[in-house]
Amino acid sequence: MELGMVGLGRMGGNIVRRLLHAGHACFAFDRDAATRQALAAEGAVAVADLAGLVAAMAPPRAIWVMLPSGAPTEDAIQTLAGLLMPGDVIIDGGNSMWKDAVRRGALLRAKGLHFLDIGTSGGVWGLARGYCLMIGGEAAVVQRLDPIFRALVPGRDAAPATPGRRGDPRPEEGYVHAGANGAGHFAKMIHNGIEYGMMQAFAEGLDILKHADSAELPPEHRLSLNIPDITEAWRRGSVVASWLLDLTAQALAADPELEGFSGNVSDSGEGRWTVQAAVETAVSAPVLSAALFARFTSRDEQRFAGKVLSAQRKGFGGHLEPPKP
């Protein structure tokens, strides 16, 4: 199949590469000409602008926008809406607010266009590991683009089968049609809110281990602990084993004191939106809320916990700490 990609950053470029490896035709646009040409050298068709992207593709087109949420995504979708034909599909695979997906879906349907909001998880490792996809939109459109999604996801071998599970086989491959427009980004928003909580739990636990030899303790209660070794052992057979723990252990093996990180941890929109959704629906979410607020605190208090969070974010998403003020 053909897919157009708008935005060739950490994830957009690797999505194109994974599709090329699977034999799909990809048309690639990025404002940076060198980035476009790098993917052209790998088999993509590079185009100079959005009009050129639309002109190069055969209808019905499917164009995936992988840009920062907010104005960049909004502007790209609005421009594409003026260039595409009825029956074409626009995909927003970034971390947009789910209510924007509801709005965009309605506006594009009025023009005869289709819209999918796809929460995309996998970070910088998606090229090798595959991406987990949470899809919102019309069932018929999701089905039509199934070959694209099937090429992007990890597949059944990525995790053991769930005993007794029946129903839609696609989640066992790593993708789910979550519902109508908005459902994909809502599911990804909650996914990222949970991610905040998991990361914070590891960070706080390791911070306690780090301070087990504190001078504030009686000498006989001080423990000198090898944190890299402990996290490495946890990866094998422990109930807290996970990809986040794998990334934490890798960071600690390379830099046991995490001296390359200040612990100034950014937060993206999804964590805030998750807490807002909890408030709007009167759902108690103290862990997710506290994890968000801990990131705010990290900008004033640099502790080992913050360094762990920074290391995890760089590990799975290539996120860098914000510059020091």
C-alpha atoms as a PDB file:
ATOM      1  CA  MET A   1       0.000   0.000   0.000  1.00  0.00           C
ATOM      2  CA  GLU A   2       0.908   3.669  -0.201  1.00  0.00           C
ATOM      3  CA  LEU A   3       1.299   5.942   2.807  1.00  0.00           C
ATOM      4  CA  GLY A   4       2.291   9.578   2.983  1.00  0.00           C
ATOM      5  CA  MET A   5       4.176  10.762   6.074  1.00  0.00           C
ATOM      6  CA  VAL A   6       4.312  14.372   7.254  1.00  0.00           C
ATOM      7  CA  GLY A   7       7.063  14.807   9.837  1.00  0.00           C
ATOM      8  CA  LEU A   8      10.173  12.641   9.788  1.00  0.00           C
ATOM      9  CA  GLY A   9      11.413  13.051  13.348  1.00  0.00           C
ATOM     10  CA  ARG A  10      12.242  10.363  15.909  1.00  0.00           C
ATOM     11  CA  MET A  11       9.090   8.374  15.228  1.00  0.00           C
ATOM     12  CA  GLY A  12       7.827   9.506  11.827  1.00  0.00           C
ATOM     13  CA  GLY A  13      11.048   8.599  10.059  1.00  0.00           C
ATOM     14  CA  ASN A  14      11.210   5.157  11.661  1.00  0.00           C
ATOM     15  CA  ILE A  15       7.574   4.439  10.845  1.00  0.00           C
ATOM     16  CA  VAL A  16       8.469   5.073   7.207  1.00  0.00           C
ATOM     17  CA  ARG A  17      11.505   2.808   7.474  1.00  0.00           C
ATOM     18  CA  ARG A  18       9.492  -0.028   9.009  1.00  0.00           C
ATOM     19  CA  LEU A  19       6.895   0.239   6.247  1.00  0.00           C
ATOM     20  CA  LEU A  20       9.590   0.298   3.555  1.00  0.00           C
ATOM     21  CA  HIS A  21      11.096  -2.873   5.023  1.00  0.00           C
ATOM     22  CA  ALA A  22       7.636  -4.476   4.736  1.00  0.00           C
ATOM     23  CA  GLY A  23       7.361  -3.558   1.057  1.00  0.00           C
ATOM     24  CA  HIS A  24       4.979  -0.598   1.272  1.00  0.00           C
ATOM     25  CA  ALA A  25       5.437   2.567  -0.800  1.00  0.00           C
ATOM     26  CA  CYS A  26       6.070   5.678   1.307  1.00  0.00           C
ATOM     27  CA  PHE A  27       5.986   9.339   0.345  1.00  0.00           C
ATOM     28  CA  ALA A  28       7.848  11.513   2.821  1.00  0.00           C
ATOM     29  CA  PHE A  29       7.705  15.204   3.671  1.00  0.00           C
ATOM     30  CA  ASP A  30       9.622  17.163   6.265  1.00  0.00           C
ATOM     31  CA  ARG A  31      10.544  20.844   6.314  1.00  0.00           C
ATOM     32  CA  ASP A  32      14.191  19.804   6.519  1.00  0.00           C
ATOM     33  CA  ALA A  33      15.440  18.863   3.039  1.00  0.00           C
ATOM     34  CA  ALA A  34      18.347  16.787   4.362  1.00  0.00           C
ATOM     35  CA  THR A  35      15.955  14.657   6.427  1.00  0.00           C
ATOM     36  CA  ARG A  36      13.765  14.087   3.364  1.00  0.00           C
ATOM     37  CA  GLN A  37      16.704  13.096   1.218  1.00  0.00           C
ATOM     38  CA  ALA A  38      18.038  10.696   3.855  1.00  0.00           C
ATOM     39  CA  LEU A  39      14.808   8.716   3.661  1.00  0.00           C
ATOM     40  CA  ALA A  40      14.795   8.966  -0.128  1.00  0.00           C
ATOM     41  CA  ALA A  41      18.147   7.202  -0.089  1.00  0.00           C
ATOM     42  CA  GLU A  42      16.445   4.374   1.823  1.00  0.00           C
ATOM     43  CA  GLY A  43      13.629   3.988  -0.690  1.00  0.00           C
ATOM     44  CA  ALA A  44      11.002   6.600   0.163  1.00  0.00           C
ATOM     45  CA  VAL A  45       9.746   9.154  -2.344  1.00  0.00           C
ATOM     46  CA  ALA A  46      10.727  12.569  -0.991  1.00  0.00           C
ATOM     47  CA  VAL A  47       8.465  15.534  -1.737  1.00  0.00           C
ATOM     48  CA  ALA A  48       9.101  19.222  -1.212  1.00  0.00           C
ATOM     49  CA  ASP A  49       5.728  20.299   0.205  1.00  0.00           C
ATOM     50  CA  LEU A  50       2.248  19.079   1.119  1.00  0.00           C
ATOM     51  CA  ALA A  51       0.852  19.851  -2.330  1.00  0.00           C
ATOM     52  CA  GLY A  52       3.598  17.735  -3.848  1.00  0.00           C
ATOM     53  CA  LEU A  53       2.798  14.932  -1.391  1.00  0.00           C
ATOM     54  CA  VAL A  54      -0.846  14.850  -2.426  1.00  0.00           C
ATOM     55  CA  ALA A  55       0.003  15.069  -6.128  1.00  0.00           C
ATOM     56  CA  ALA A  56       2.461  12.168  -5.928  1.00  0.00           C
ATOM     57  CA  MET A  57      -0.017   9.732  -4.381  1.00  0.00           C
ATOM     58  CA  ALA A  58      -2.836   7.776  -6.022  1.00  0.00           C
ATOM     59  CA  PRO A  59      -6.327   8.139  -4.528  1.00  0.00           C
ATOM     60  CA  PRO A  60      -7.716   7.102  -2.156  1.00  0.00           C
ATOM     61  CA  ARG A  61      -4.775   8.493  -0.241  1.00  0.00           C
ATOM     62  CA  ALA A  62      -3.735   7.903   3.355  1.00  0.00           C
ATOM     63  CA  ILE A  63      -1.516  10.594   4.860  1.00  0.00           C
ATOM     64  CA  TRP A  64      -0.087  10.253   8.368  1.00  0.00           C
ATOM     65  CA  VAL A  65       0.764  13.458  10.270  1.00  0.00           C
ATOM     66  CA  MET A  66       3.478  12.874  12.888  1.00  0.00           C
ATOM     67  CA  LEU A  67       4.142  16.341  14.296  1.00  0.00           C
ATOM     68  CA  PRO A  68       4.107  17.974  17.739  1.00  0.00           C
ATOM     69  CA  SER A  69       0.603  18.468  19.105  1.00  0.00           C
ATOM     70  CA  GLY A  70      -1.025  21.855  18.834  1.00  0.00           C
ATOM     71  CA  ALA A  71      -0.409  24.352  16.055  1.00  0.00           C
ATOM     72  CA  PRO A  72       1.999  22.245  13.912  1.00  0.00           C
ATOM     73  CA  THR A  73      -0.500  19.366  13.692  1.00  0.00           C
ATOM     74  CA  GLU A  74      -3.503  21.676  13.301  1.00  0.00           C
ATOM     75  CA  ASP A  75      -1.882  23.631  10.479  1.00  0.00           C
ATOM     76  CA  ALA A  76      -0.833  20.489   8.607  1.00  0.00           C
ATOM     77  CA  ILE A  77      -4.299  18.931   8.853  1.00  0.00           C
ATOM     78  CA  GLN A  78      -5.998  22.125   7.741  1.00  0.00           C
ATOM     79  CA  THR A  79      -3.680  22.429   4.738  1.00  0.00           C
ATOM     80  CA  LEU A  80      -4.153  18.784   3.762  1.00  0.00           C
ATOM     81  CA  ALA A  81      -7.929  19.136   4.067  1.00  0.00           C
ATOM     82  CA  GLY A  82      -7.822  21.771   1.344  1.00  0.00           C
ATOM     83  CA  LEU A  83      -5.747  19.579  -0.968  1.00  0.00           C
ATOM     84  CA  LEU A  84      -7.259  16.110  -0.620  1.00  0.00           C
ATOM     85  CA  MET A  85     -10.238  14.502  -2.358  1.00  0.00           C
ATOM     86  CA  PRO A  86     -13.331  12.852  -0.833  1.00  0.00           C
ATOM     87  CA  GLY A  87     -12.452   9.357   0.314  1.00  0.00           C
ATOM     88  CA  ASP A  88      -8.888  10.248   1.308  1.00  0.00           C
ATOM     89  CA  VAL A  89      -7.720   9.636   4.884  1.00  0.00           C
ATOM     90  CA  ILE A  90      -5.792  11.882   7.264  1.00  0.00           C
ATOM     91  CA  ILE A  91      -4.132  10.191  10.244  1.00  0.00           C
ATOM     92  CA  ASP A  92      -2.914  12.040  13.327  1.00  0.00           C
ATOM     93  CA  GLY A  93      -0.387   9.759  14.988  1.00  0.00           C
ATOM     94  CA  GLY A  94       1.036  12.290  17.423  1.00  0.00           C
ATOM     95  CA  ASN A  95       0.117  12.994  21.029  1.00  0.00           C
ATOM     96  CA  SER A  96      -2.815  15.287  20.340  1.00  0.00           C
ATOM     97  CA  MET A  97      -5.575  16.062  22.816  1.00  0.00           C
ATOM     98  CA  TRP A  98      -8.419  13.571  22.255  1.00  0.00           C
ATOM     99  CA  LYS A  99     -11.072  16.295  22.127  1.00  0.00           C
ATOM    100  CA  ASP A 100      -9.202  17.784  19.150  1.00  0.00           C
ATOM    101  CA  ALA A 101      -9.557  14.412  17.422  1.00  0.00           C
ATOM    102  CA  VAL A 102     -13.331  14.498  17.927  1.00  0.00           C
ATOM    103  CA  ARG A 103     -13.473  17.997  16.462  1.00  0.00           C
ATOM    104  CA  ARG A 104     -11.175  17.235  13.555  1.00  0.00           C
ATOM    105  CA  GLY A 105     -13.060  14.067  12.668  1.00  0.00           C
ATOM    106  CA  ALA A 106     -16.349  15.973  12.405  1.00  0.00           C
ATOM    107  CA  LEU A 107     -14.835  18.769  10.322  1.00  0.00           C
ATOM    108  CA  LEU A 108     -13.160  16.376   7.898  1.00  0.00           C
ATOM    109  CA  ARG A 109     -16.259  14.200   7.507  1.00  0.00           C
ATOM    110  CA  ALA A 110     -18.153  17.298   6.418  1.00  0.00           C
ATOM    111  CA  LYS A 111     -15.630  17.589   3.568  1.00  0.00           C
ATOM    112  CA  GLY A 112     -15.995  13.932   2.590  1.00  0.00           C
ATOM    113  CA  LEU A 113     -12.642  13.025   4.127  1.00  0.00           C
ATOM    114  CA  HIS A 114     -11.869  10.342   6.692  1.00  0.00           C
ATOM    115  CA  PHE A 115      -9.866  10.834   9.868  1.00  0.00           C
ATOM    116  CA  LEU A 116      -8.088   8.416  12.184  1.00  0.00           C
ATOM    117  CA  ASP A 117      -6.514   9.383  15.501  1.00  0.00           C
ATOM    118  CA  ILE A 118      -3.817   6.868  16.334  1.00  0.00           C
ATOM    119  CA  GLY A 119      -2.085   6.814  19.681  1.00  0.00           C
ATOM    120  CA  THR A 120       1.377   5.508  18.846  1.00  0.00           C
ATOM    121  CA  SER A 121       3.661   3.983  21.471  1.00  0.00           C
ATOM    122  CA  GLY A 122       7.135   2.640  20.855  1.00  0.00           C
ATOM    123  CA  GLY A 123       9.402   5.664  20.903  1.00  0.00           C
ATOM    124  CA  VAL A 124      12.807   5.479  19.294  1.00  0.00           C
ATOM    125  CA  TRP A 125      12.756   1.667  19.552  1.00  0.00           C
ATOM    126  CA  GLY A 126       9.718   1.229  17.319  1.00  0.00           C
ATOM    127  CA  LEU A 127      11.713   0.488  14.180  1.00  0.00           C
ATOM    128  CA  ALA A 128      13.142  -2.670  15.716  1.00  0.00           C
ATOM    129  CA  ARG A 129      10.426  -3.608  18.219  1.00  0.00           C
ATOM    130  CA  GLY A 130       7.300  -2.408  16.451  1.00  0.00           C
ATOM    131  CA  TYR A 131       4.693   0.097  17.621  1.00  0.00           C
ATOM    132  CA  CYS A 132       1.628  -0.348  19.792  1.00  0.00           C
ATOM    133  CA  LEU A 133      -1.264   1.397  18.009  1.00  0.00           C
ATOM    134  CA  MET A 134      -4.503   2.652  19.587  1.00  0.00           C
ATOM    135  CA  ILE A 135      -6.829   3.658  16.757  1.00  0.00           C
ATOM    136  CA  GLY A 136      -9.923   5.851  16.735  1.00  0.00           C
ATOM    137  CA  GLY A 137     -12.155   6.272  13.694  1.00  0.00           C
ATOM    138  CA  GLU A 138     -14.485   4.515  11.289  1.00  0.00           C
ATOM    139  CA  ALA A 139     -14.243   0.720  11.292  1.00  0.00           C
ATOM    140  CA  ALA A 140     -14.266   0.462   7.497  1.00  0.00           C
ATOM    141  CA  VAL A 141     -11.320   2.854   7.178  1.00  0.00           C
ATOM    142  CA  VAL A 142      -9.380   1.032   9.878  1.00  0.00           C
ATOM    143  CA  GLN A 143      -9.972  -2.230   8.037  1.00  0.00           C
ATOM    144  CA  ARG A 144      -8.904  -0.754   4.683  1.00  0.00           C
ATOM    145  CA  LEU A 145      -5.573   0.343   6.136  1.00  0.00           C
ATOM    146  CA  ASP A 146      -5.000  -2.893   8.036  1.00  0.00           C
ATOM    147  CA  PRO A 147      -1.911  -3.871   5.955  1.00  0.00           C
ATOM    148  CA  ILE A 148      -0.214  -0.655   7.101  1.00  0.00           C
ATOM    149  CA  PHE A 149      -1.011  -1.259  10.750  1.00  0.00           C
ATOM    150  CA  ARG A 150      -0.048  -4.920  10.596  1.00  0.00           C
ATOM    151  CA  ALA A 151       3.389  -3.954   9.245  1.00  0.00           C
ATOM    152  CA  LEU A 152       3.985  -1.508  12.092  1.00  0.00           C
ATOM    153  CA  VAL A 153       3.001  -3.563  15.140  1.00  0.00           C
ATOM    154  CA  PRO A 154       5.209  -6.062  17.003  1.00  0.00           C
ATOM    155  CA  GLY A 155       3.113  -9.166  16.269  1.00  0.00           C
ATOM    156  CA  ARG A 156       2.028 -12.087  18.428  1.00  0.00           C
ATOM    157  CA  ASP A 157       5.540 -13.180  19.328  1.00  0.00           C
ATOM    158  CA  ALA A 158       6.151  -9.965  21.303  1.00  0.00           C
ATOM    159  CA  ALA A 159       4.309 -11.290  24.358  1.00  0.00           C
ATOM    160  CA  PRO A 160       2.900 -14.589  25.633  1.00  0.00           C
ATOM    161  CA  ALA A 161      -0.712 -15.334  24.751  1.00  0.00           C
ATOM    162  CA  THR A 162      -3.314 -14.380  27.361  1.00  0.00           C
ATOM    163  CA  PRO A 163      -4.960 -17.625  28.564  1.00  0.00           C
ATOM    164  CA  GLY A 164      -8.659 -17.808  27.752  1.00  0.00           C
ATOM    165  CA  ARG A 165      -8.719 -14.646  25.641  1.00  0.00           C
ATOM    166  CA  ARG A 166     -11.204 -14.540  22.757  1.00  0.00           C
ATOM    167  CA  GLY A 167     -12.512 -11.896  20.385  1.00  0.00           C
ATOM    168  CA  ASP A 168     -10.793  -9.451  18.058  1.00  0.00           C
ATOM    169  CA  PRO A 169      -7.364 -10.915  17.179  1.00  0.00           C
ATOM    170  CA  ARG A 170      -5.765  -7.555  16.425  1.00  0.00           C
ATOM    171  CA  PRO A 171      -4.903  -6.594  20.033  1.00  0.00           C
ATOM    172  CA  GLU A 172      -2.827  -9.766  20.258  1.00  0.00           C
ATOM    173  CA  GLU A 173      -0.750  -8.366  17.390  1.00  0.00           C
ATOM    174  CA  GLY A 174      -0.295  -5.002  19.127  1.00  0.00           C
ATOM    175  CA  TYR A 175      -3.050  -2.777  17.751  1.00  0.00           C
ATOM    176  CA  VAL A 176      -6.612  -2.040  18.757  1.00  0.00           C
ATOM    177  CA  HIS A 177      -9.541  -0.259  17.146  1.00  0.00           C
ATOM    178  CA  ALA A 178     -10.455   1.566  20.330  1.00  0.00           C
ATOM    179  CA  GLY A 179     -13.619   3.219  19.003  1.00  0.00           C
ATOM    180  CA  ALA A 180     -14.812   6.360  17.258  1.00  0.00           C
ATOM    181  CA  ASN A 181     -12.716   9.469  16.685  1.00  0.00           C
ATOM    182  CA  GLY A 182     -11.082  10.504  19.941  1.00  0.00           C
ATOM    183  CA  ALA A 183     -10.852   6.972  21.316  1.00  0.00           C
ATOM    184  CA  GLY A 184      -7.346   6.367  19.988  1.00  0.00           C
ATOM    185  CA  HIS A 185      -5.867   9.476  21.520  1.00  0.00           C
ATOM    186  CA  PHE A 186      -7.879   9.012  24.726  1.00  0.00           C
ATOM    187  CA  ALA A 187      -6.431   5.514  25.142  1.00  0.00           C
ATOM    188  CA  LYS A 188      -2.908   6.841  24.476  1.00  0.00           C
ATOM    189  CA  MET A 189      -3.451   9.687  26.940  1.00  0.00           C
ATOM    190  CA  ILE A 190      -4.326   7.228  29.711  1.00  0.00           C
ATOM    191  CA  HIS A 191      -1.416   4.992  28.627  1.00  0.00           C
ATOM    192  CA  ASN A 192       0.965   7.901  29.136  1.00  0.00           C
ATOM    193  CA  GLY A 193      -0.627   8.834  32.461  1.00  0.00           C
ATOM    194  CA  ILE A 194      -0.024   5.262  33.668  1.00  0.00           C
ATOM    195  CA  GLU A 195       3.517   5.512  32.315  1.00  0.00           C
ATOM    196  CA  TYR A 196       4.076   8.558  34.536  1.00  0.00           C
ATOM    197  CA  GLY A 197       3.016   6.563  37.588  1.00  0.00           C
ATOM    198  CA  MET A 198       5.172   3.543  36.749  1.00  0.00           C
ATOM    199  CA  MET A 199       8.217   5.689  36.087  1.00  0.00           C
ATOM    200  CA  GLN A 200       7.709   7.632  39.299  1.00  0.00           C
ATOM    201  CA  ALA A 201       7.429   4.422  41.334  1.00  0.00           C
ATOM    202  CA  PHE A 202      10.762   3.176  40.000  1.00  0.00           C
ATOM    203  CA  ALA A 203      12.359   6.584  40.511  1.00  0.00           C
ATOM    204  CA  GLU A 204      11.236   6.913  44.132  1.00  0.00           C
ATOM    205  CA  GLY A 205      12.167   3.340  44.982  1.00  0.00           C
ATOM    206  CA  LEU A 206      15.663   3.732  43.569  1.00  0.00           C
ATOM    207  CA  ASP A 207      16.013   7.055  45.373  1.00  0.00           C
ATOM    208  CA  ILE A 208      15.332   5.267  48.668  1.00  0.00           C
ATOM    209  CA  LEU A 209      17.940   2.636  47.772  1.00  0.00           C
ATOM    210  CA  LYS A 210      20.359   5.431  46.911  1.00  0.00           C
ATOM    211  CA  HIS A 211      19.969   6.964  50.365  1.00  0.00           C
ATOM    212  CA  ALA A 212      20.107   3.714  52.356  1.00  0.00           C
ATOM    213  CA  ASP A 213      23.537   4.786  53.640  1.00  0.00           C
ATOM    214  CA  SER A 214      22.373   8.250  54.681  1.00  0.00           C
ATOM    215  CA  ALA A 215      24.325   9.948  57.465  1.00  0.00           C
ATOM    216  CA  GLU A 216      20.975  10.599  59.116  1.00  0.00           C
ATOM    217  CA  LEU A 217      20.683   6.875  59.922  1.00  0.00           C
ATOM    218  CA  PRO A 218      22.388   5.140  62.850  1.00  0.00           C
ATOM    219  CA  PRO A 219      25.679   3.629  61.617  1.00  0.00           C
ATOM    220  CA  GLU A 220      24.459   0.081  62.185  1.00  0.00           C
ATOM    221  CA  HIS A 221      21.451   0.729  59.896  1.00  0.00           C
ATOM    222  CA  ARG A 222      23.379   2.186  56.970  1.00  0.00           C
ATOM    223  CA  LEU A 223      23.506  -0.006  53.871  1.00  0.00           C
ATOM    224  CA  SER A 224      25.820   0.434  50.897  1.00  0.00           C
ATOM    225  CA  LEU A 225      23.824  -0.891  47.956  1.00  0.00           C
ATOM    226  CA  ASN A 226      24.840  -1.529  44.353  1.00  0.00           C
ATOM    227  CA  ILE A 227      21.823  -0.123  42.557  1.00  0.00           C
ATOM    228  CA  PRO A 228      22.845  -1.210  39.033  1.00  0.00           C
ATOM    229  CA  ASP A 229      23.206  -4.798  40.264  1.00  0.00           C
ATOM    230  CA  ILE A 230      19.881  -4.725  42.080  1.00  0.00           C
ATOM    231  CA  THR A 231      17.980  -3.429  39.052  1.00  0.00           C
ATOM    232  CA  GLU A 232      19.712  -6.011  36.856  1.00  0.00           C
ATOM    233  CA  ALA A 233      18.529  -8.801  39.176  1.00  0.00           C
ATOM    234  CA  TRP A 234      14.982  -7.398  39.202  1.00  0.00           C
ATOM    235  CA  ARG A 235      14.827  -7.812  35.423  1.00  0.00           C
ATOM    236  CA  ARG A 236      14.809 -11.608  35.861  1.00  0.00           C
ATOM    237  CA  GLY A 237      11.809 -13.251  37.509  1.00  0.00           C
ATOM    238  CA  SER A 238      10.670 -10.189  39.465  1.00  0.00           C
ATOM    239  CA  VAL A 239       7.046  -9.041  39.404  1.00  0.00           C
ATOM    240  CA  VAL A 240       8.260  -5.518  38.564  1.00  0.00           C
ATOM    241  CA  ALA A 241      10.133  -6.674  35.454  1.00  0.00           C
ATOM    242  CA  SER A 242       9.206  -4.449  32.499  1.00  0.00           C
ATOM    243  CA  TRP A 243      10.612  -2.535  29.558  1.00  0.00           C
ATOM    244  CA  LEU A 244      10.891   0.553  31.763  1.00  0.00           C
ATOM    245  CA  LEU A 245      13.023  -1.448  34.178  1.00  0.00           C
ATOM    246  CA  ASP A 246      15.136  -2.693  31.257  1.00  0.00           C
ATOM    247  CA  LEU A 247      15.813   0.887  30.197  1.00  0.00           C
ATOM    248  CA  THR A 248      16.570   1.923  33.783  1.00  0.00           C
ATOM    249  CA  ALA A 249      19.063  -0.913  34.184  1.00  0.00           C
ATOM    250  CA  GLN A 250      20.736   0.044  30.907  1.00  0.00           C
ATOM    251  CA  ALA A 251      21.101   3.655  32.020  1.00  0.00           C
ATOM    252  CA  LEU A 252      22.528   2.643  35.402  1.00  0.00           C
ATOM    253  CA  ALA A 253      24.967   0.195  33.827  1.00  0.00           C
ATOM    254  CA  ALA A 254      26.334   2.992  31.651  1.00  0.00           C
ATOM    255  CA  ASP A 255      26.318   5.671  34.383  1.00  0.00           C
ATOM    256  CA  PRO A 256      25.710   4.325  37.930  1.00  0.00           C
ATOM    257  CA  GLU A 257      25.367   7.794  39.446  1.00  0.00           C
ATOM    258  CA  LEU A 258      23.390   9.143  36.445  1.00  0.00           C
ATOM    259  CA  GLU A 259      25.705  12.133  36.482  1.00  0.00           C
ATOM    260  CA  GLY A 260      24.781  12.927  32.882  1.00  0.00           C
ATOM    261  CA  PHE A 261      21.283  13.949  34.000  1.00  0.00           C
ATOM    262  CA  SER A 262      20.234  16.944  36.064  1.00  0.00           C
ATOM    263  CA  GLY A 263      16.867  15.452  37.021  1.00  0.00           C
ATOM    264  CA  ASN A 264      14.932  18.369  35.535  1.00  0.00           C
ATOM    265  CA  VAL A 265      12.002  16.360  34.132  1.00  0.00           C
ATOM    266  CA  SER A 266       9.612  17.728  31.527  1.00  0.00           C
ATOM    267  CA  ASP A 267       5.984  16.715  31.335  1.00  0.00           C
ATOM    268  CA  SER A 268       4.055  16.377  28.102  1.00  0.00           C
ATOM    269  CA  GLY A 269       0.400  17.197  27.648  1.00  0.00           C
ATOM    270  CA  GLU A 270      -0.872  13.668  28.138  1.00  0.00           C
ATOM    271  CA  GLY A 271      -0.087  13.556  31.863  1.00  0.00           C
ATOM    272  CA  ARG A 272      -1.951  16.798  32.497  1.00  0.00           C
ATOM    273  CA  TRP A 273      -4.858  15.721  30.280  1.00  0.00           C
ATOM    274  CA  THR A 274      -5.119  12.408  32.137  1.00  0.00           C
ATOM    275  CA  VAL A 275      -5.494  14.201  35.461  1.00  0.00           C
ATOM    276  CA  GLN A 276      -8.029  16.585  33.890  1.00  0.00           C
ATOM    277  CA  ALA A 277     -10.037  13.604  32.609  1.00  0.00           C
ATOM    278  CA  ALA A 278     -10.006  12.114  36.107  1.00  0.00           C
ATOM    279  CA  VAL A 279     -11.380  15.366  37.511  1.00  0.00           C
ATOM    280  CA  GLU A 280     -14.044  15.630  34.772  1.00  0.00           C
ATOM    281  CA  THR A 281     -15.274  12.091  35.443  1.00  0.00           C
ATOM    282  CA  ALA A 282     -14.815  12.162  39.248  1.00  0.00           C
ATOM    283  CA  VAL A 283     -12.390   9.245  39.138  1.00  0.00           C
ATOM    284  CA  SER A 284      -9.851   9.101  41.964  1.00  0.00           C
ATOM    285  CA  ALA A 285      -6.329   9.017  40.511  1.00  0.00           C
ATOM    286  CA  PRO A 286      -3.951   9.957  43.345  1.00  0.00           C
ATOM    287  CA  VAL A 287      -0.938   8.038  41.980  1.00  0.00           C
ATOM    288  CA  LEU A 288      -1.143   9.525  38.485  1.00  0.00           C
ATOM    289  CA  SER A 289      -1.737  13.014  39.901  1.00  0.00           C
ATOM    290  CA  ALA A 290       1.208  12.729  42.291  1.00  0.00           C
ATOM    291  CA  ALA A 291       3.453  11.516  39.469  1.00  0.00           C
ATOM    292  CA  LEU A 292       2.579  14.604  37.438  1.00  0.00           C
ATOM    293  CA  PHE A 293       3.195  16.941  40.366  1.00  0.00           C
ATOM    294  CA  ALA A 294       6.520  15.218  41.058  1.00  0.00           C
ATOM    295  CA  ARG A 295       7.692  16.305  37.624  1.00  0.00           C
ATOM    296  CA  PHE A 296       6.861  19.890  38.507  1.00  0.00           C
ATOM    297  CA  THR A 297       8.859  19.517  41.729  1.00  0.00           C
ATOM    298  CA  SER A 298      11.850  18.078  39.852  1.00  0.00           C
ATOM    299  CA  ARG A 299      12.457  21.460  38.270  1.00  0.00           C
ATOM    300  CA  ASP A 300      13.235  22.945  41.663  1.00  0.00           C
ATOM    301  CA  GLU A 301      14.722  19.956  43.505  1.00  0.00           C
ATOM    302  CA  GLN A 302      17.262  17.813  41.665  1.00  0.00           C
ATOM    303  CA  ARG A 303      17.257  14.396  43.337  1.00  0.00           C
ATOM    304  CA  PHE A 304      18.366  10.952  42.187  1.00  0.00           C
ATOM    305  CA  ALA A 305      14.688  10.119  41.488  1.00  0.00           C
ATOM    306  CA  GLY A 306      14.540  12.914  38.928  1.00  0.00           C
ATOM    307  CA  LYS A 307      17.701  11.636  37.285  1.00  0.00           C
ATOM    308  CA  VAL A 308      16.120   8.194  36.983  1.00  0.00           C
ATOM    309  CA  LEU A 309      13.049   9.719  35.306  1.00  0.00           C
ATOM    310  CA  SER A 310      15.228  11.669  32.888  1.00  0.00           C
ATOM    311  CA  ALA A 311      17.191   8.541  32.036  1.00  0.00           C
ATOM    312  CA  GLN A 312      13.977   6.593  31.375  1.00  0.00           C
ATOM    313  CA  ARG A 313      12.535   9.306  29.125  1.00  0.00           C
ATOM    314  CA  LYS A 314      15.736   9.437  27.095  1.00  0.00           C
ATOM    315  CA  GLY A 315      15.799   5.646  26.918  1.00  0.00           C
ATOM    316  CA  PHE A 316      12.368   5.043  25.426  1.00  0.00           C
ATOM    317  CA  GLY A 317      11.660   8.270  23.595  1.00  0.00           C
ATOM    318  CA  GLY A 318      14.956  10.045  23.024  1.00  0.00           C
ATOM    319  CA  HIS A 319      13.644  12.945  25.121  1.00  0.00           C
ATOM    320  CA  LEU A 320      16.315  15.345  26.308  1.00  0.00           C
ATOM    321  CA  GLU A 321      16.145  17.433  29.455  1.00  0.00           C
ATOM    322  CA  PRO A 322      15.149  21.053  28.980  1.00  0.00           C
ATOM    323  CA  PRO A 323      18.033  23.520  29.041  1.00  0.00           C
ATOM    324  CA  LYS A 324      18.899  24.969  32.426  1.00  0.00           C
ATOM    325  CA  PRO A 325      17.391  28.442  32.973  1.00  0.00           C
END
